[in-house]
Amino acid sequence: MLRIVADAMRDNGRYLKSLGCKLHQVTLRSPVMEVCLLPDNRIPPYIMSHTTKNKTKLLARVRRLKGQIEAIERSLEADASCGQVLNLAASVRGAVSGLTAELIEDHIREHVSNPDKDDNAARAQGAAELIEVVRAYLK
């Protein structure tokens, strides 16, 4: 990340754009412009295409989580037994772990290596092993 002082901001980034750089962020409260120089000119934050593709499914999971959290709230308000509340809390923990595992797996497949499509056998095997470790750890 390069930090360019206010003098470089005067041309509204034209000089930087002419170099093939893309502007990442302009901070209005300070005279500093941040520019990210990556080889392929991607600028963070990246759009996570796998979350866009699976948006409906992910939102459904989040809504179920919301319902589970609300169930904990209702049981606490109703003075339910501690065992019942703990059981509900455990189900939320499991659901969050499952969502996290799915997001990490999709991230590995999209941004690191997809074991089903990678031509490099060693990288494909490493990605597959990493996905299995994530699944086992977040089970």
N, C-alpha and C. Protein backbone atom coordinates (compact mmCIF):
# COMPACT_ATOMS: atom_id res chain seq x y z
N MET A 1 0.85 -1.16 0.00
CA MET A 1 0.00 0.00 0.00
C MET A 1 0.90 1.22 0.00
N LEU A 2 0.71 2.08 -0.95
CA LEU A 2 1.46 3.32 -1.00
C LEU A 2 0.59 4.45 -0.48
N ARG A 3 1.19 5.35 0.21
CA ARG A 3 0.46 6.52 0.66
C ARG A 3 0.97 7.72 -0.11
N ILE A 4 0.09 8.40 -0.79
CA ILE A 4 0.43 9.57 -1.58
C ILE A 4 -0.13 10.78 -0.86
N VAL A 5 0.70 11.81 -0.66
CA VAL A 5 0.26 12.99 0.07
C VAL A 5 -0.60 13.90 -0.79
N ALA A 6 -1.06 14.98 -0.20
CA ALA A 6 -2.06 15.85 -0.81
C ALA A 6 -1.67 16.37 -2.19
N ASP A 7 -0.38 16.57 -2.47
CA ASP A 7 0.03 17.07 -3.78
C ASP A 7 -0.43 16.15 -4.90
N ALA A 8 -0.41 14.85 -4.67
CA ALA A 8 -0.82 13.91 -5.70
C ALA A 8 -2.33 13.88 -5.85
N MET A 9 -3.05 14.40 -4.86
CA MET A 9 -4.51 14.40 -4.94
C MET A 9 -5.02 15.53 -5.83
N ARG A 10 -4.19 16.54 -6.07
CA ARG A 10 -4.66 17.71 -6.81
C ARG A 10 -5.11 17.39 -8.22
N ASP A 11 -4.51 16.40 -8.86
CA ASP A 11 -4.92 16.05 -10.22
C ASP A 11 -6.03 15.01 -10.25
N ASN A 12 -6.65 14.80 -9.11
CA ASN A 12 -7.79 13.89 -8.98
C ASN A 12 -7.43 12.46 -9.39
N GLY A 13 -6.18 12.09 -9.20
CA GLY A 13 -5.75 10.72 -9.48
C GLY A 13 -5.43 10.43 -10.93
N ARG A 14 -5.45 11.43 -11.82
CA ARG A 14 -5.19 11.18 -13.24
C ARG A 14 -3.78 10.63 -13.46
N TYR A 15 -2.80 11.16 -12.74
CA TYR A 15 -1.43 10.68 -12.90
C TYR A 15 -1.34 9.21 -12.50
N LEU A 16 -1.95 8.88 -11.39
CA LEU A 16 -1.91 7.50 -10.93
C LEU A 16 -2.63 6.57 -11.90
N LYS A 17 -3.77 7.03 -12.43
CA LYS A 17 -4.51 6.22 -13.40
C LYS A 17 -3.70 6.02 -14.67
N SER A 18 -2.93 7.04 -15.06
CA SER A 18 -2.11 6.92 -16.27
C SER A 18 -1.02 5.88 -16.10
N LEU A 19 -0.62 5.63 -14.86
CA LEU A 19 0.36 4.59 -14.58
C LEU A 19 -0.26 3.20 -14.53
N GLY A 20 -1.58 3.14 -14.67
CA GLY A 20 -2.27 1.86 -14.59
C GLY A 20 -2.69 1.50 -13.18
N CYS A 21 -2.60 2.46 -12.27
CA CYS A 21 -3.00 2.22 -10.88
C CYS A 21 -4.46 2.58 -10.73
N LYS A 22 -5.12 1.91 -9.84
CA LYS A 22 -6.50 2.24 -9.52
C LYS A 22 -6.56 2.79 -8.11
N LEU A 23 -7.41 3.75 -7.90
CA LEU A 23 -7.54 4.35 -6.58
C LEU A 23 -8.29 3.41 -5.67
N HIS A 24 -7.77 3.22 -4.48
CA HIS A 24 -8.41 2.33 -3.51
C HIS A 24 -9.33 3.12 -2.58
N GLN A 25 -8.82 4.17 -1.98
CA GLN A 25 -9.62 4.86 -0.99
C GLN A 25 -9.09 6.28 -0.87
N VAL A 26 -9.99 7.23 -0.82
CA VAL A 26 -9.61 8.60 -0.54
C VAL A 26 -10.18 8.94 0.82
N THR A 27 -9.32 9.31 1.73
CA THR A 27 -9.74 9.66 3.07
C THR A 27 -9.97 11.16 3.12
N LEU A 28 -11.21 11.57 3.33
CA LEU A 28 -11.55 12.98 3.28
C LEU A 28 -11.08 13.74 4.52
N ARG A 29 -10.91 13.06 5.62
CA ARG A 29 -10.53 13.73 6.85
C ARG A 29 -9.04 13.99 6.95
N SER A 30 -8.26 13.35 6.12
CA SER A 30 -6.83 13.60 6.13
C SER A 30 -6.33 13.72 4.69
N PRO A 31 -5.25 14.41 4.49
CA PRO A 31 -4.75 14.63 3.13
C PRO A 31 -3.95 13.45 2.62
N VAL A 32 -4.48 12.25 2.80
CA VAL A 32 -3.76 11.05 2.36
C VAL A 32 -4.65 10.24 1.45
N MET A 33 -4.09 9.77 0.36
CA MET A 33 -4.80 8.89 -0.55
C MET A 33 -4.09 7.54 -0.52
N GLU A 34 -4.84 6.49 -0.41
CA GLU A 34 -4.24 5.17 -0.40
C GLU A 34 -4.44 4.56 -1.77
N VAL A 35 -3.39 3.97 -2.29
CA VAL A 35 -3.45 3.32 -3.60
C VAL A 35 -2.93 1.91 -3.44
N CYS A 36 -3.65 1.00 -3.97
CA CYS A 36 -3.23 -0.39 -3.89
C CYS A 36 -2.66 -0.79 -5.24
N LEU A 37 -1.42 -1.23 -5.28
CA LEU A 37 -0.78 -1.64 -6.52
C LEU A 37 -0.62 -3.15 -6.51
N LEU A 38 -1.54 -3.83 -7.13
CA LEU A 38 -1.47 -5.27 -7.24
C LEU A 38 -1.19 -5.61 -8.70
N PRO A 39 -0.56 -6.73 -8.97
CA PRO A 39 -0.19 -7.06 -10.34
C PRO A 39 -1.38 -7.06 -11.31
N ASP A 40 -2.53 -7.50 -10.87
CA ASP A 40 -3.68 -7.57 -11.76
C ASP A 40 -4.62 -6.39 -11.58
N ASN A 41 -4.18 -5.36 -10.84
CA ASN A 41 -4.94 -4.13 -10.62
C ASN A 41 -6.26 -4.35 -9.91
N ARG A 42 -6.38 -5.43 -9.12
CA ARG A 42 -7.58 -5.59 -8.31
C ARG A 42 -7.48 -4.67 -7.12
N ILE A 43 -8.58 -4.09 -6.74
CA ILE A 43 -8.61 -3.15 -5.64
C ILE A 43 -9.47 -3.73 -4.53
N PRO A 44 -8.92 -3.86 -3.32
CA PRO A 44 -9.74 -4.32 -2.21
C PRO A 44 -10.78 -3.29 -1.85
N PRO A 45 -11.90 -3.58 -1.27
CA PRO A 45 -12.32 -4.94 -0.96
C PRO A 45 -12.83 -5.63 -2.21
N TYR A 46 -12.47 -6.89 -2.36
CA TYR A 46 -12.88 -7.65 -3.53
C TYR A 46 -14.33 -8.07 -3.37
N ILE A 47 -15.02 -8.18 -4.47
CA ILE A 47 -16.36 -8.75 -4.45
C ILE A 47 -16.18 -10.25 -4.39
N MET A 48 -16.69 -10.85 -3.35
CA MET A 48 -16.53 -12.30 -3.19
C MET A 48 -17.60 -12.98 -4.03
N SER A 49 -17.22 -13.37 -5.24
CA SER A 49 -18.19 -13.91 -6.16
C SER A 49 -18.90 -15.15 -5.63
N HIS A 50 -18.22 -15.94 -4.82
CA HIS A 50 -18.87 -17.14 -4.29
C HIS A 50 -20.00 -16.78 -3.33
N THR A 51 -19.89 -15.66 -2.63
CA THR A 51 -21.00 -15.26 -1.77
C THR A 51 -22.13 -14.68 -2.60
N THR A 52 -21.80 -14.11 -3.72
CA THR A 52 -22.84 -13.59 -4.62
C THR A 52 -23.59 -14.75 -5.28
N LYS A 53 -22.84 -15.77 -5.71
CA LYS A 53 -23.47 -16.93 -6.35
C LYS A 53 -24.38 -17.68 -5.38
N ASN A 54 -23.94 -17.80 -4.12
CA ASN A 54 -24.68 -18.57 -3.11
C ASN A 54 -25.48 -17.68 -2.18
N LYS A 55 -25.77 -16.48 -2.60
CA LYS A 55 -26.39 -15.49 -1.73
C LYS A 55 -27.71 -15.98 -1.12
N THR A 56 -28.57 -16.56 -1.91
CA THR A 56 -29.87 -17.01 -1.43
C THR A 56 -29.71 -18.08 -0.35
N LYS A 57 -28.83 -19.03 -0.61
CA LYS A 57 -28.60 -20.11 0.35
C LYS A 57 -27.97 -19.57 1.64
N LEU A 58 -27.01 -18.68 1.51
CA LEU A 58 -26.35 -18.11 2.69
C LEU A 58 -27.31 -17.27 3.51
N LEU A 59 -28.13 -16.47 2.84
CA LEU A 59 -29.10 -15.65 3.56
C LEU A 59 -30.12 -16.51 4.30
N ALA A 60 -30.51 -17.64 3.69
CA ALA A 60 -31.43 -18.55 4.36
C ALA A 60 -30.80 -19.10 5.64
N ARG A 61 -29.51 -19.43 5.58
CA ARG A 61 -28.82 -19.93 6.78
C ARG A 61 -28.76 -18.86 7.86
N VAL A 62 -28.47 -17.63 7.44
CA VAL A 62 -28.39 -16.53 8.40
C VAL A 62 -29.76 -16.27 9.04
N ARG A 63 -30.80 -16.38 8.24
CA ARG A 63 -32.15 -16.17 8.79
C ARG A 63 -32.52 -17.26 9.79
N ARG A 64 -32.08 -18.51 9.50
CA ARG A 64 -32.31 -19.58 10.47
C ARG A 64 -31.55 -19.31 11.76
N LEU A 65 -30.32 -18.82 11.62
CA LEU A 65 -29.54 -18.44 12.81
C LEU A 65 -30.25 -17.36 13.61
N LYS A 66 -30.79 -16.39 12.90
CA LYS A 66 -31.53 -15.32 13.57
C LYS A 66 -32.71 -15.90 14.36
N GLY A 67 -33.41 -16.84 13.77
CA GLY A 67 -34.52 -17.49 14.46
C GLY A 67 -34.05 -18.25 15.69
N GLN A 68 -32.90 -18.90 15.60
CA GLN A 68 -32.37 -19.62 16.74
C GLN A 68 -31.97 -18.67 17.87
N ILE A 69 -31.38 -17.55 17.51
CA ILE A 69 -31.01 -16.55 18.53
C ILE A 69 -32.27 -16.01 19.20
N GLU A 70 -33.31 -15.74 18.39
CA GLU A 70 -34.57 -15.26 18.95
C GLU A 70 -35.20 -16.30 19.86
N ALA A 71 -35.02 -17.58 19.55
CA ALA A 71 -35.54 -18.65 20.42
C ALA A 71 -34.83 -18.63 21.77
N ILE A 72 -33.52 -18.36 21.76
CA ILE A 72 -32.80 -18.23 23.04
C ILE A 72 -33.35 -17.06 23.83
N GLU A 73 -33.58 -15.94 23.15
CA GLU A 73 -34.12 -14.76 23.83
C GLU A 73 -35.48 -15.07 24.44
N ARG A 74 -36.35 -15.74 23.68
CA ARG A 74 -37.69 -16.06 24.19
C ARG A 74 -37.61 -17.01 25.38
N SER A 75 -36.70 -17.99 25.31
CA SER A 75 -36.60 -18.94 26.42
C SER A 75 -36.05 -18.26 27.68
N LEU A 76 -35.15 -17.30 27.51
CA LEU A 76 -34.65 -16.56 28.67
C LEU A 76 -35.75 -15.69 29.27
N GLU A 77 -36.53 -15.06 28.41
CA GLU A 77 -37.64 -14.23 28.91
C GLU A 77 -38.69 -15.06 29.61
N ALA A 78 -38.86 -16.31 29.18
CA ALA A 78 -39.86 -17.19 29.77
C ALA A 78 -39.31 -17.97 30.96
N ASP A 79 -38.10 -17.65 31.40
CA ASP A 79 -37.47 -18.33 32.53
C ASP A 79 -37.39 -19.84 32.32
N ALA A 80 -36.95 -20.24 31.11
CA ALA A 80 -36.79 -21.66 30.80
C ALA A 80 -35.62 -22.22 31.61
N SER A 81 -35.56 -23.53 31.68
CA SER A 81 -34.48 -24.16 32.44
C SER A 81 -33.13 -23.89 31.76
N CYS A 82 -32.09 -23.92 32.58
CA CYS A 82 -30.76 -23.64 32.03
C CYS A 82 -30.35 -24.69 31.00
N GLY A 83 -30.77 -25.92 31.19
CA GLY A 83 -30.47 -26.97 30.22
C GLY A 83 -31.06 -26.68 28.86
N GLN A 84 -32.29 -26.18 28.84
CA GLN A 84 -32.94 -25.84 27.58
C GLN A 84 -32.22 -24.68 26.90
N VAL A 85 -31.84 -23.67 27.67
CA VAL A 85 -31.14 -22.52 27.10
C VAL A 85 -29.77 -22.95 26.57
N LEU A 86 -29.06 -23.80 27.33
CA LEU A 86 -27.77 -24.28 26.87
C LEU A 86 -27.89 -25.10 25.59
N ASN A 87 -28.93 -25.89 25.50
CA ASN A 87 -29.17 -26.68 24.30
C ASN A 87 -29.39 -25.77 23.09
N LEU A 88 -30.18 -24.71 23.27
CA LEU A 88 -30.41 -23.76 22.19
C LEU A 88 -29.11 -23.04 21.80
N ALA A 89 -28.33 -22.67 22.82
CA ALA A 89 -27.06 -22.00 22.54
C ALA A 89 -26.10 -22.91 21.78
N ALA A 90 -26.09 -24.19 22.12
CA ALA A 90 -25.24 -25.14 21.42
C ALA A 90 -25.66 -25.28 19.97
N SER A 91 -26.97 -25.23 19.71
CA SER A 91 -27.43 -25.34 18.33
C SER A 91 -27.01 -24.12 17.51
N VAL A 92 -27.01 -22.95 18.15
CA VAL A 92 -26.56 -21.74 17.46
C VAL A 92 -25.07 -21.84 17.16
N ARG A 93 -24.32 -22.32 18.12
CA ARG A 93 -22.88 -22.48 17.90
C ARG A 93 -22.60 -23.42 16.74
N GLY A 94 -23.33 -24.51 16.67
CA GLY A 94 -23.16 -25.45 15.58
C GLY A 94 -23.54 -24.84 14.23
N ALA A 95 -24.61 -24.06 14.23
CA ALA A 95 -25.04 -23.43 12.99
C ALA A 95 -24.03 -22.39 12.51
N VAL A 96 -23.46 -21.63 13.45
CA VAL A 96 -22.45 -20.63 13.08
C VAL A 96 -21.19 -21.34 12.57
N SER A 97 -20.81 -22.42 13.20
CA SER A 97 -19.64 -23.18 12.73
C SER A 97 -19.87 -23.72 11.33
N GLY A 98 -21.07 -24.22 11.07
CA GLY A 98 -21.39 -24.73 9.74
C GLY A 98 -21.33 -23.63 8.69
N LEU A 99 -21.88 -22.47 9.01
CA LEU A 99 -21.83 -21.34 8.08
C LEU A 99 -20.40 -20.90 7.84
N THR A 100 -19.61 -20.83 8.90
CA THR A 100 -18.20 -20.44 8.77
C THR A 100 -17.44 -21.44 7.90
N ALA A 101 -17.66 -22.72 8.13
CA ALA A 101 -16.98 -23.75 7.34
C ALA A 101 -17.35 -23.63 5.87
N GLU A 102 -18.61 -23.38 5.59
CA GLU A 102 -19.04 -23.23 4.20
C GLU A 102 -18.39 -22.02 3.54
N LEU A 103 -18.34 -20.90 4.27
CA LEU A 103 -17.72 -19.70 3.72
C LEU A 103 -16.23 -19.90 3.47
N ILE A 104 -15.54 -20.55 4.41
CA ILE A 104 -14.11 -20.79 4.23
C ILE A 104 -13.87 -21.74 3.07
N GLU A 105 -14.66 -22.80 2.99
CA GLU A 105 -14.50 -23.75 1.88
C GLU A 105 -14.72 -23.06 0.54
N ASP A 106 -15.78 -22.27 0.43
CA ASP A 106 -16.03 -21.55 -0.82
C ASP A 106 -14.90 -20.57 -1.13
N HIS A 107 -14.37 -19.94 -0.09
CA HIS A 107 -13.26 -19.00 -0.28
C HIS A 107 -12.03 -19.73 -0.82
N ILE A 108 -11.72 -20.88 -0.25
CA ILE A 108 -10.57 -21.67 -0.72
C ILE A 108 -10.78 -22.06 -2.18
N ARG A 109 -11.97 -22.56 -2.50
CA ARG A 109 -12.25 -22.99 -3.87
C ARG A 109 -12.20 -21.83 -4.86
N GLU A 110 -12.62 -20.66 -4.45
CA GLU A 110 -12.71 -19.51 -5.36
C GLU A 110 -11.40 -18.74 -5.46
N HIS A 111 -10.70 -18.54 -4.34
CA HIS A 111 -9.57 -17.62 -4.32
C HIS A 111 -8.21 -18.29 -4.13
N VAL A 112 -8.19 -19.54 -3.70
CA VAL A 112 -6.91 -20.21 -3.49
C VAL A 112 -6.70 -21.27 -4.56
N SER A 113 -7.47 -22.32 -4.50
CA SER A 113 -7.37 -23.38 -5.50
C SER A 113 -8.62 -24.25 -5.40
N ASN A 114 -9.21 -24.52 -6.55
CA ASN A 114 -10.35 -25.42 -6.59
C ASN A 114 -9.82 -26.82 -6.90
N PRO A 115 -9.86 -27.73 -5.94
CA PRO A 115 -9.29 -29.06 -6.15
C PRO A 115 -9.92 -29.81 -7.32
N ASP A 116 -11.15 -29.47 -7.68
CA ASP A 116 -11.81 -30.16 -8.78
C ASP A 116 -11.36 -29.65 -10.15
N LYS A 117 -10.78 -28.45 -10.20
CA LYS A 117 -10.44 -27.84 -11.49
C LYS A 117 -8.97 -27.49 -11.66
N ASP A 118 -8.19 -27.55 -10.60
CA ASP A 118 -6.80 -27.11 -10.66
C ASP A 118 -5.95 -28.13 -11.42
N ASP A 119 -5.15 -27.64 -12.38
CA ASP A 119 -4.28 -28.52 -13.17
C ASP A 119 -3.05 -28.96 -12.39
N ASN A 120 -2.65 -28.17 -11.40
CA ASN A 120 -1.51 -28.50 -10.56
C ASN A 120 -1.97 -29.51 -9.51
N ALA A 121 -1.54 -30.75 -9.67
CA ALA A 121 -2.02 -31.83 -8.79
C ALA A 121 -1.66 -31.61 -7.32
N ALA A 122 -0.45 -31.10 -7.07
CA ALA A 122 -0.04 -30.89 -5.68
C ALA A 122 -0.88 -29.79 -5.03
N ARG A 123 -1.13 -28.71 -5.77
CA ARG A 123 -1.94 -27.62 -5.22
C ARG A 123 -3.38 -28.08 -5.01
N ALA A 124 -3.91 -28.87 -5.95
CA ALA A 124 -5.27 -29.39 -5.82
C ALA A 124 -5.38 -30.30 -4.60
N GLN A 125 -4.39 -31.15 -4.40
CA GLN A 125 -4.41 -32.04 -3.23
C GLN A 125 -4.31 -31.23 -1.94
N GLY A 126 -3.44 -30.22 -1.92
CA GLY A 126 -3.30 -29.38 -0.74
C GLY A 126 -4.59 -28.65 -0.42
N ALA A 127 -5.27 -28.14 -1.44
CA ALA A 127 -6.54 -27.44 -1.22
C ALA A 127 -7.60 -28.41 -0.70
N ALA A 128 -7.65 -29.61 -1.26
CA ALA A 128 -8.61 -30.60 -0.80
C ALA A 128 -8.36 -30.98 0.66
N GLU A 129 -7.08 -31.13 1.02
CA GLU A 129 -6.75 -31.46 2.41
C GLU A 129 -7.11 -30.31 3.34
N LEU A 130 -6.86 -29.09 2.91
CA LEU A 130 -7.21 -27.93 3.72
C LEU A 130 -8.72 -27.84 3.95
N ILE A 131 -9.48 -28.10 2.92
CA ILE A 131 -10.94 -28.09 3.04
C ILE A 131 -11.40 -29.15 4.04
N GLU A 132 -10.81 -30.32 3.98
CA GLU A 132 -11.17 -31.39 4.92
C GLU A 132 -10.81 -31.01 6.36
N VAL A 133 -9.67 -30.37 6.56
CA VAL A 133 -9.26 -29.93 7.89
C VAL A 133 -10.25 -28.89 8.42
N VAL A 134 -10.63 -27.94 7.57
CA VAL A 134 -11.60 -26.92 7.98
C VAL A 134 -12.92 -27.56 8.37
N ARG A 135 -13.38 -28.50 7.56
CA ARG A 135 -14.64 -29.20 7.87
C ARG A 135 -14.55 -29.93 9.21
N ALA A 136 -13.43 -30.63 9.43
CA ALA A 136 -13.27 -31.39 10.67
C ALA A 136 -13.15 -30.46 11.87
N TYR A 137 -12.43 -29.37 11.71
CA TYR A 137 -12.21 -28.45 12.83
C TYR A 137 -13.50 -27.72 13.21
N LEU A 138 -14.28 -27.35 12.22
CA LEU A 138 -15.49 -26.59 12.49
C LEU A 138 -16.74 -27.47 12.60
N LYS A 139 -16.53 -28.77 12.73
CA LYS A 139 -17.65 -29.71 12.84
C LYS A 139 -18.37 -29.55 14.13
